[in-house]
Protein backbone atom coordinates (compact mmCIF):
# COMPACT_ATOMS: atom_id res chain seq x y z
CA UNK A 1 -182.65 18.73 -118.71
CA UNK A 2 -182.52 22.49 -119.24
CA UNK A 3 -181.63 23.02 -115.63
CA UNK A 4 -178.76 20.49 -115.77
CA UNK A 5 -177.35 22.07 -118.89
CA UNK A 6 -177.33 25.56 -117.34
CA UNK A 7 -175.64 24.24 -114.12
CA UNK A 8 -172.94 22.48 -116.09
CA UNK A 9 -172.22 25.56 -118.12
CA UNK A 10 -171.90 27.73 -115.08
CA UNK A 11 -169.61 25.19 -113.36
CA UNK A 12 -167.27 24.96 -116.30
CA UNK A 13 -167.08 28.71 -116.63
CA UNK A 14 -166.22 29.08 -112.96
CA UNK A 15 -163.40 26.49 -113.17
CA UNK A 16 -162.07 28.05 -116.29
CA UNK A 17 -161.85 31.49 -114.72
CA UNK A 18 -160.33 30.14 -111.51
CA UNK A 19 -157.59 28.04 -113.10
CA UNK A 20 -156.76 29.57 -116.43
CA UNK A 21 -156.12 33.23 -115.48
CA UNK A 22 -152.38 34.16 -115.65
CA UNK A 23 -152.68 37.82 -114.93
CA UNK A 24 -153.80 37.76 -111.28
CA UNK A 25 -151.07 37.45 -108.42
CA UNK A 26 -151.76 35.25 -105.43
CA UNK A 27 -151.51 37.52 -102.43
CA UNK A 28 -152.43 34.89 -99.85
CA UNK A 29 -149.94 34.79 -96.93
CA UNK A 30 -148.88 31.22 -96.25
CA UNK A 31 -149.24 29.85 -92.78
CA UNK A 32 -146.07 30.22 -90.65
CA UNK A 33 -144.12 27.07 -89.55
CA UNK A 34 -143.15 27.03 -85.86
CA UNK A 35 -139.56 25.55 -85.29
CA UNK A 36 -138.80 24.35 -81.73
CA UNK A 37 -136.06 26.39 -80.11
CA UNK A 38 -133.37 25.33 -77.54
CA UNK A 39 -132.20 27.72 -74.89
CA UNK A 40 -128.47 28.71 -74.76
CA UNK A 41 -128.06 27.14 -71.32
CA UNK A 42 -129.36 23.76 -72.47
CA UNK A 43 -127.02 23.76 -75.50
CA UNK A 44 -123.95 24.50 -73.41
CA UNK A 45 -124.90 21.80 -70.92
CA UNK A 46 -125.36 19.27 -73.69
CA UNK A 47 -121.98 20.16 -75.27
CA UNK A 48 -120.24 20.01 -71.92
CA UNK A 49 -121.79 16.61 -71.21
CA UNK A 50 -120.63 15.26 -74.54
CA UNK A 51 -117.02 16.63 -73.98
CA UNK A 52 -116.47 15.31 -70.41
CA UNK A 53 -114.52 11.97 -70.59
CA UNK A 54 -115.14 9.02 -68.32
CA UNK A 55 -112.86 8.98 -65.31
CA UNK A 56 -111.60 6.19 -63.08
CA UNK A 57 -109.80 6.04 -59.76
CA UNK A 58 -106.40 4.48 -59.09
CA UNK A 59 -106.02 3.60 -55.42
CA UNK A 60 -102.53 2.76 -54.14
CA UNK A 61 -102.58 0.99 -50.80
CA UNK A 62 -99.66 1.21 -48.40
CA UNK A 63 -97.65 -1.89 -47.54
CA UNK A 64 -95.20 -2.64 -44.77
CA UNK A 65 -91.59 -2.74 -45.84
CA UNK A 66 -91.52 -0.16 -48.63
CA UNK A 67 -93.13 2.68 -50.53
CA UNK A 68 -94.68 3.44 -53.93
CA UNK A 69 -93.85 6.48 -56.05
CA UNK A 70 -97.54 7.46 -56.47
CA UNK A 71 -100.49 7.73 -54.11
CA UNK A 72 -102.92 7.22 -56.98
CA UNK A 73 -105.75 9.57 -57.99
CA UNK A 74 -108.54 10.12 -60.53
CA UNK A 75 -107.62 9.85 -64.21
CA UNK A 76 -109.34 10.17 -67.58
CA UNK A 77 -110.11 6.88 -69.27
CA UNK A 78 -107.10 5.63 -71.22
CA UNK A 79 -104.51 7.59 -69.25
CA UNK A 80 -101.21 5.76 -68.79
CA UNK A 81 -99.69 5.93 -65.31
CA UNK A 82 -96.20 4.67 -64.39
CA UNK A 83 -95.27 4.01 -60.78
CA UNK A 84 -92.57 2.08 -58.98
CA UNK A 85 -92.28 0.24 -55.68
CA UNK A 86 -89.15 0.70 -53.54
CA UNK A 87 -88.38 -1.67 -50.64
CA UNK A 88 -86.96 -0.43 -47.35
CA UNK A 89 -83.62 -1.68 -46.12
CA UNK A 90 -83.95 -5.31 -45.10
CA UNK A 91 -86.90 -5.93 -47.46
CA UNK A 92 -87.28 -6.94 -51.09
CA UNK A 93 -90.09 -6.36 -53.59
CA UNK A 94 -91.76 -9.58 -54.73
CA UNK A 95 -94.89 -8.51 -56.66
CA UNK A 96 -98.33 -6.84 -56.60
CA UNK A 97 -101.46 -8.14 -54.87
CA UNK A 98 -103.76 -10.02 -57.31
CA UNK A 99 -101.56 -9.18 -60.31
CA UNK A 100 -99.20 -11.29 -62.40
CA UNK A 101 -96.53 -8.62 -62.87
CA UNK A 102 -93.33 -9.10 -60.88
CA UNK A 103 -91.50 -5.95 -61.94
CA UNK A 104 -91.21 -3.20 -59.36
CA UNK A 105 -91.98 -0.56 -62.03
CA UNK A 106 -95.46 -0.81 -63.50
CA UNK A 107 -97.22 1.10 -66.34
CA UNK A 108 -101.03 0.95 -66.27
CA UNK A 109 -103.70 2.08 -68.74
CA UNK A 110 -106.57 3.40 -66.61
CA UNK A 111 -109.74 1.88 -68.06
CA UNK A 112 -111.42 0.90 -64.80
CA UNK A 113 -111.16 1.58 -61.09
CA UNK A 114 -107.93 -0.07 -59.91
CA UNK A 115 -106.57 -0.84 -56.47
CA UNK A 116 -102.84 -1.50 -56.37
CA UNK A 117 -100.91 -2.92 -53.41
CA UNK A 118 -97.20 -3.80 -53.49
CA UNK A 119 -95.84 -6.85 -51.71
CA UNK A 120 -92.60 -6.43 -49.76
CA UNK A 121 -90.93 -9.36 -48.07
CA UNK A 122 -88.43 -9.21 -45.26
CA UNK A 123 -85.05 -10.55 -46.27
CA UNK A 124 -84.17 -13.42 -44.00
CA UNK A 125 -80.40 -13.85 -43.96
CA UNK A 126 -79.08 -17.31 -43.24
CA UNK A 127 -76.21 -16.20 -41.02
CA UNK A 128 -75.13 -19.80 -40.53
CA UNK A 129 -73.70 -19.85 -44.04
CA UNK A 130 -71.55 -16.80 -43.27
CA UNK A 131 -70.27 -18.11 -39.95
CA UNK A 132 -69.15 -21.31 -41.63
CA UNK A 133 -66.30 -23.50 -40.40
CA UNK A 134 -64.98 -25.39 -43.40
CA UNK A 135 -63.02 -28.59 -43.82
CA UNK A 136 -59.49 -28.72 -45.19
CA UNK A 137 -59.70 -29.08 -48.97
CA UNK A 138 -56.87 -30.33 -51.19
CA UNK A 139 -55.60 -27.94 -53.87
CA UNK A 140 -54.86 -30.02 -56.96
CA UNK A 141 -52.59 -29.44 -58.76
CA UNK A 142 -50.35 -27.96 -56.06
CA UNK A 143 -49.60 -24.28 -56.69
CA UNK A 144 -47.18 -23.70 -53.81
CA UNK A 145 -50.26 -24.07 -51.58
CA UNK A 146 -51.65 -27.59 -51.34
CA UNK A 147 -54.65 -27.10 -48.96
CA UNK A 148 -57.28 -24.50 -48.18
CA UNK A 149 -59.92 -23.90 -45.53
CA UNK A 150 -62.60 -21.19 -45.46
CA UNK A 151 -63.79 -19.90 -42.10
CA UNK A 152 -65.99 -16.86 -41.35
CA UNK A 153 -65.33 -15.31 -44.75
CA UNK A 154 -61.55 -15.85 -44.94
CA UNK A 155 -59.95 -18.48 -47.17
CA UNK A 156 -56.82 -19.85 -45.52
CA UNK A 157 -54.30 -21.17 -48.05
CA UNK A 158 -51.54 -23.41 -46.66
CA UNK A 159 -48.08 -24.01 -48.12
CA UNK A 160 -47.19 -27.60 -48.95
CA UNK A 161 -43.84 -29.38 -49.08
CA UNK A 162 -42.16 -27.23 -51.71
CA UNK A 163 -39.05 -25.13 -52.23
CA UNK A 164 -37.04 -27.41 -49.95
CA UNK A 165 -39.34 -26.69 -47.01
CA UNK A 166 -41.67 -28.97 -45.07
CA UNK A 167 -45.44 -28.59 -45.39
CA UNK A 168 -47.21 -26.50 -42.78
CA UNK A 169 -48.95 -28.98 -40.41
CA UNK A 170 -52.73 -29.25 -40.49
CA UNK A 171 -52.73 -28.53 -36.76
CA UNK A 172 -51.30 -25.03 -37.32
CA UNK A 173 -53.89 -24.32 -40.03
CA UNK A 174 -56.61 -25.36 -37.60
CA UNK A 175 -55.19 -23.07 -34.92
CA UNK A 176 -55.31 -20.16 -37.34
CA UNK A 177 -58.89 -21.06 -38.29
CA UNK A 178 -59.95 -21.27 -34.64
CA UNK A 179 -58.28 -17.91 -33.92
CA UNK A 180 -60.38 -16.37 -36.72
CA UNK A 181 -63.52 -17.79 -35.09
CA UNK A 182 -62.50 -16.19 -31.81
CA UNK A 183 -61.89 -12.83 -33.52
CA UNK A 184 -65.21 -12.92 -35.42
CA UNK A 185 -67.65 -14.13 -32.76
CA UNK A 186 -71.19 -12.72 -33.03
CA UNK A 187 -71.97 -13.81 -29.47
CA UNK A 188 -69.16 -11.77 -27.93
CA UNK A 189 -69.86 -8.77 -25.72
CA UNK A 190 -70.32 -5.45 -27.51
CA UNK A 191 -70.64 -6.92 -31.00
CA UNK A 192 -73.09 -5.37 -33.45
CA UNK A 193 -74.36 -8.49 -35.30
CA UNK A 194 -75.48 -6.56 -38.39
CA UNK A 195 -72.18 -4.71 -38.75
CA UNK A 196 -70.19 -7.89 -38.17
CA UNK A 197 -72.24 -9.72 -40.80
CA UNK A 198 -71.50 -6.87 -43.22
CA UNK A 199 -67.83 -7.28 -42.37
CA UNK A 200 -67.97 -10.99 -43.24
CA UNK A 201 -69.71 -10.21 -46.54
CA UNK A 202 -66.95 -7.71 -47.24
CA UNK A 203 -64.30 -10.33 -46.43
CA UNK A 204 -66.03 -12.75 -48.80
CA UNK A 205 -66.05 -10.14 -51.56
CA UNK A 206 -69.85 -10.28 -51.80
CA UNK A 207 -70.07 -6.53 -51.29
CA UNK A 208 -67.88 -3.57 -50.47
CA UNK A 209 -64.75 -2.06 -51.93
CA UNK A 210 -63.15 -5.34 -53.11
CA UNK A 211 -66.37 -6.92 -54.35
CA UNK A 212 -65.68 -9.97 -56.49
CA UNK A 213 -62.40 -10.78 -54.75
CA UNK A 214 -62.58 -12.87 -51.57
CA UNK A 215 -60.09 -12.40 -48.74
CA UNK A 216 -57.31 -14.90 -48.33
CA UNK A 217 -54.84 -15.61 -45.55
CA UNK A 218 -51.53 -17.23 -46.47
CA UNK A 219 -49.71 -19.60 -44.11
CA UNK A 220 -46.15 -20.72 -44.79
CA UNK A 221 -43.18 -22.15 -42.90
CA UNK A 222 -40.51 -20.04 -41.13
CA UNK A 223 -40.00 -17.15 -43.56
CA UNK A 224 -39.68 -16.34 -47.24
CA UNK A 225 -35.94 -16.91 -47.18
CA UNK A 226 -36.45 -20.45 -45.92
CA UNK A 227 -37.77 -21.40 -49.36
CA UNK A 228 -35.41 -21.97 -52.28
CA UNK A 229 -36.19 -20.08 -54.39
CA UNK A 230 -37.86 -17.44 -52.21
CA UNK A 231 -41.54 -17.42 -53.12
CA UNK A 232 -41.85 -13.73 -52.18
CA UNK A 233 -39.18 -12.27 -54.47
CA UNK A 234 -39.69 -10.62 -57.84
CA UNK A 235 -39.07 -13.86 -59.76
CA UNK A 236 -41.62 -15.92 -57.91
CA UNK A 237 -43.84 -16.16 -60.98
CA UNK A 238 -41.04 -17.95 -62.83
CA UNK A 239 -39.92 -19.96 -59.81
CA UNK A 240 -43.42 -21.16 -58.98
CA UNK A 241 -45.54 -21.19 -62.18
CA UNK A 242 -49.19 -20.37 -61.58
CA UNK A 243 -48.58 -18.89 -58.12
CA UNK A 244 -49.22 -15.26 -59.07
CA UNK A 245 -52.37 -16.09 -61.04
CA UNK A 246 -53.66 -18.15 -58.11
CA UNK A 247 -53.02 -15.37 -55.57
CA UNK A 248 -54.45 -12.70 -57.87
CA UNK A 249 -57.89 -14.27 -57.42
CA UNK A 250 -57.92 -13.09 -53.79
CA UNK A 251 -57.14 -10.04 -51.68
CA UNK A 252 -54.09 -10.89 -49.58
CA UNK A 253 -52.03 -9.05 -47.00
CA UNK A 254 -49.05 -10.61 -45.25
CA UNK A 255 -48.24 -14.11 -43.97
CA UNK A 256 -48.94 -16.11 -40.86
CA UNK A 257 -45.70 -18.01 -40.26
CA UNK A 258 -45.49 -21.44 -38.71
CA UNK A 259 -42.33 -21.51 -36.56
CA UNK A 260 -41.39 -17.93 -37.42
CA UNK A 261 -37.61 -17.62 -37.73
CA UNK A 262 -37.72 -14.99 -34.94
CA UNK A 263 -39.84 -17.11 -32.62
CA UNK A 264 -38.68 -18.31 -29.22
CA UNK A 265 -41.17 -21.18 -29.62
CA UNK A 266 -43.26 -20.16 -26.64
CA UNK A 267 -47.02 -20.23 -26.59
CA UNK A 268 -47.18 -16.45 -26.12
CA UNK A 269 -44.88 -15.95 -29.11
CA UNK A 270 -47.25 -18.02 -31.22
CA UNK A 271 -50.23 -16.00 -30.00
CA UNK A 272 -48.55 -12.70 -30.86
CA UNK A 273 -47.51 -14.05 -34.28
CA UNK A 274 -50.86 -15.42 -35.32
CA UNK A 275 -53.00 -12.56 -33.95
CA UNK A 276 -50.85 -9.80 -35.47
CA UNK A 277 -51.10 -11.14 -39.01
CA UNK A 278 -54.72 -12.21 -38.79
CA UNK A 279 -55.58 -8.72 -37.54
CA UNK A 280 -53.71 -7.18 -40.49
CA UNK A 281 -55.96 -9.17 -42.83
CA UNK A 282 -59.22 -8.60 -40.96
CA UNK A 283 -58.58 -4.89 -40.37
CA UNK A 284 -57.74 -4.17 -43.98
CA UNK A 285 -60.26 -6.32 -45.82
CA UNK A 286 -63.14 -6.60 -43.34
CA UNK A 287 -63.24 -3.94 -40.62
CA UNK A 288 -62.84 -1.43 -43.43
CA UNK A 289 -66.36 -2.14 -44.62
CA UNK A 290 -68.20 -3.31 -41.50
CA UNK A 291 -69.58 -0.28 -39.68
CA UNK A 292 -71.18 2.36 -41.90
CA UNK A 293 -68.57 4.94 -42.90
CA UNK A 294 -65.63 2.66 -42.12
CA UNK A 295 -64.52 2.33 -45.73
CA UNK A 296 -63.69 6.02 -45.88
CA UNK A 297 -62.52 6.34 -42.27
CA UNK A 298 -60.06 3.43 -42.38
CA UNK A 299 -58.70 3.71 -45.89
CA UNK A 300 -55.02 2.82 -46.34
CA UNK A 301 -55.12 2.10 -50.08
CA UNK A 302 -52.96 5.04 -51.17
CA UNK A 303 -53.14 4.05 -54.84
CA UNK A 304 -56.89 4.72 -54.72
CA UNK A 305 -56.54 8.35 -53.58
CA UNK A 306 -55.53 10.69 -50.78
CA UNK A 307 -55.57 8.99 -47.37
CA UNK A 308 -54.16 11.90 -45.36
CA UNK A 309 -57.61 13.19 -44.42
CA UNK A 310 -59.02 9.93 -43.02
CA UNK A 311 -59.94 9.39 -39.38
CA UNK A 312 -57.38 6.59 -39.20
CA UNK A 313 -54.56 8.81 -40.47
CA UNK A 314 -55.47 11.56 -38.00
CA UNK A 315 -55.43 9.06 -35.12
CA UNK A 316 -52.05 7.68 -36.19
CA UNK A 317 -50.58 11.19 -36.52
CA UNK A 318 -51.77 12.04 -33.03
CA UNK A 319 -50.17 8.85 -31.67
CA UNK A 320 -46.93 9.71 -33.47
CA UNK A 321 -46.87 13.34 -32.29
CA UNK A 322 -47.67 12.29 -28.69
CA UNK A 323 -44.86 9.75 -28.63
CA UNK A 324 -47.16 6.73 -28.49
CA UNK A 325 -46.30 5.30 -31.93
CA UNK A 326 -42.66 5.12 -33.03
CA UNK A 327 -42.01 4.86 -36.78
CA UNK A 328 -38.24 4.21 -36.87
CA UNK A 329 -38.93 0.69 -38.05
CA UNK A 330 -40.81 2.08 -41.08
CA UNK A 331 -38.16 4.51 -42.30
CA UNK A 332 -38.56 7.16 -39.63
CA UNK A 333 -40.07 9.78 -41.98
CA UNK A 334 -43.72 10.56 -41.25
CA UNK A 335 -43.93 12.51 -44.52
CA UNK A 336 -42.96 9.51 -46.64
CA UNK A 337 -46.28 8.77 -48.29
CA UNK A 338 -45.06 5.45 -49.68
CA UNK A 339 -44.65 4.20 -46.10
CA UNK A 340 -48.06 5.36 -44.92
CA UNK A 341 -49.95 2.13 -45.75
CA UNK A 342 -47.50 0.03 -43.70
CA UNK A 343 -47.50 2.53 -40.82
CA UNK A 344 -51.31 2.61 -40.77
CA UNK A 345 -51.54 -1.19 -40.87
CA UNK A 346 -49.15 -1.60 -37.95
CA UNK A 347 -50.80 1.23 -36.01
CA UNK A 348 -54.19 -0.53 -36.16
CA UNK A 349 -52.75 -3.78 -34.82
CA UNK A 350 -50.88 -2.04 -31.99
CA UNK A 351 -53.96 0.02 -31.12
CA UNK A 352 -56.03 -3.17 -30.92
CA UNK A 353 -53.49 -4.92 -28.69
CA UNK A 354 -53.44 -1.88 -26.40
CA UNK A 355 -57.23 -1.66 -26.16
CA UNK A 356 -57.36 -5.38 -25.36
CA UNK A 357 -54.45 -5.19 -22.90
CA UNK A 358 -52.65 -7.92 -24.81
CA UNK A 359 -49.16 -6.47 -24.29
CA UNK A 360 -48.32 -9.39 -22.00
CA UNK A 361 -47.99 -11.61 -25.09
CA UNK A 362 -45.02 -9.48 -26.17
CA UNK A 363 -41.61 -10.42 -24.88
CA UNK A 364 -41.25 -8.82 -21.47
CA UNK A 365 -44.76 -7.39 -21.77
CA UNK A 366 -43.54 -4.40 -23.78
CA UNK A 367 -43.10 -3.50 -27.42
CA UNK A 368 -41.27 -0.26 -26.69
CA UNK A 369 -40.16 1.81 -28.44
CA UNK A 370 -42.56 0.88 -31.30
CA UNK A 371 -45.49 1.28 -28.91
CA UNK A 372 -45.17 3.30 -25.74
CA UNK A 373 -45.84 1.55 -22.45
CA UNK A 374 -48.17 4.41 -21.51
CA UNK A 375 -50.66 3.11 -24.13
CA UNK A 376 -50.89 -0.54 -23.10
CA UNK A 377 -54.39 -0.13 -21.65
CA UNK A 378 -57.63 1.54 -22.77
CA UNK A 379 -57.10 4.20 -20.09
CA UNK A 380 -53.60 4.88 -21.35
CA UNK A 381 -54.77 5.17 -24.95
CA UNK A 382 -57.62 7.48 -23.95
CA UNK A 383 -55.14 9.75 -22.18
CA UNK A 384 -52.40 9.71 -24.81
CA UNK A 385 -54.16 8.92 -28.09
CA UNK A 386 -57.82 9.94 -27.66
CA UNK A 387 -58.45 9.92 -31.43
CA UNK A 388 -57.28 6.32 -31.52
CA UNK A 389 -59.50 5.44 -28.58
CA UNK A 390 -62.56 6.94 -30.32
CA UNK A 391 -61.63 5.27 -33.61
CA UNK A 392 -61.43 1.85 -32.00
CA UNK A 393 -64.74 2.27 -30.16
CA UNK A 394 -66.54 3.41 -33.30
CA UNK A 395 -65.25 1.04 -35.97
CA UNK A 396 -63.35 -1.87 -34.40
CA UNK A 397 -65.16 -2.84 -31.22
CA UNK A 398 -68.56 -3.45 -32.91
CA UNK A 399 -67.15 -6.04 -35.33
CA UNK A 400 -64.04 -7.67 -33.82
CA UNK A 401 -64.39 -9.80 -30.72
CA UNK A 402 -61.68 -9.95 -28.08
CA UNK A 403 -60.47 -13.53 -27.57
CA UNK A 404 -60.13 -14.94 -24.09
CA UNK A 405 -56.50 -15.03 -22.94
CA UNK A 406 -57.14 -18.31 -21.20
CA UNK A 407 -58.56 -19.87 -24.36
CA UNK A 408 -55.61 -18.64 -26.42
CA UNK A 409 -53.11 -20.08 -23.95
CA UNK A 410 -54.91 -23.42 -24.06
CA UNK A 411 -54.57 -23.47 -27.84
CA UNK A 412 -50.97 -22.19 -28.00
CA UNK A 413 -48.48 -23.74 -25.62
CA UNK A 414 -44.69 -23.89 -25.58
CA UNK A 415 -42.88 -25.99 -28.18
CA UNK A 416 -45.88 -26.13 -30.51
CA UNK A 417 -48.10 -27.88 -28.00
CA UNK A 418 -51.79 -27.25 -27.37
CA UNK A 419 -54.92 -28.17 -29.33
CA UNK A 420 -56.89 -25.83 -31.57
CA UNK A 421 -60.34 -27.07 -30.57
CA UNK A 422 -61.44 -26.38 -34.14
CA UNK A 423 -64.39 -28.35 -35.50
CA UNK A 424 -65.78 -28.06 -39.00
CA UNK A 425 -69.50 -27.72 -39.61
């Protein structure tokens, strides 16, 4: 008992001294805490890894018939890329492989690897529809013209029984239509089928400088003065209501006359008559638009701008200066700009007849002095009007076919005889 009491007393005193003293300062150094450290290189690598975005690849595959504005590449996720597909000539864009979009311009958000391939399709032209031989169609109500027929891009409009004059016979309309087929024959020697097709599209007004207005060819009886009132005078709109509005829907040049008042009623006269005026129409509204560059080279539309620097004007001037082309019938003044379109139109027809050696259809085989006898053959034109020779070879020969003289003389015989041979499709 005494021992336990002494032990307890000592224990209490020790605790009291150890815990109750406020005057002593604890000088014990606490244990240090070790914090893991990261090297500078590791920190930079980690930051760089966190900052680098995900990237994807856009692959643009080539396709026959066109090109794409981008070759593709590697892009950050979410990047928007716009590219467009452009078809080559003779092809059209129709879509993208394994995609629903049909627009040629495409904007993509790059969120995965993408392979993009355009689809180009060759344009297959149904040339049959352009080389069409139409039936005669009745124009109702009659607006001076009572029938029409479309052949190889030209709409023939035929005068009916009006103004005290008889109707132009169907047979003459068919002869004109067949002559057009002979002049625009894709199977003929030396023809460039693509250029001739472009010429027909130009005649139709599908493309070219008179787009939206098809080419027409008027046929009437005898001459303007044979109609009472004259349908070509300044009052024709009042004399024949609706005529001007009807004609304004087409591009028209001059007339093909049935039984021209100046005709001697021979087959050769008929050939010269019908070919001259058909060539005026085809030259002006088709050949000017067939071969590339022909629209500028063969321009005679003076109201549209200066035509004195065209290849056609230069060729005509050379023919005039060399005594090949006489202009007395057109006023006789080469500097009269108002007469230039008529001079240039006639020059083209005479040049064509000379290159084809068709002078024998003229009375006596000569059209002197309007066209010199020294230019009745290709050799003569080359010697005396070389610019005209080159012009014809470049722009006319590829698109206009030379009719057979024998075929023409079968169609056109004296006293309005002969059969056209025309058949509609």
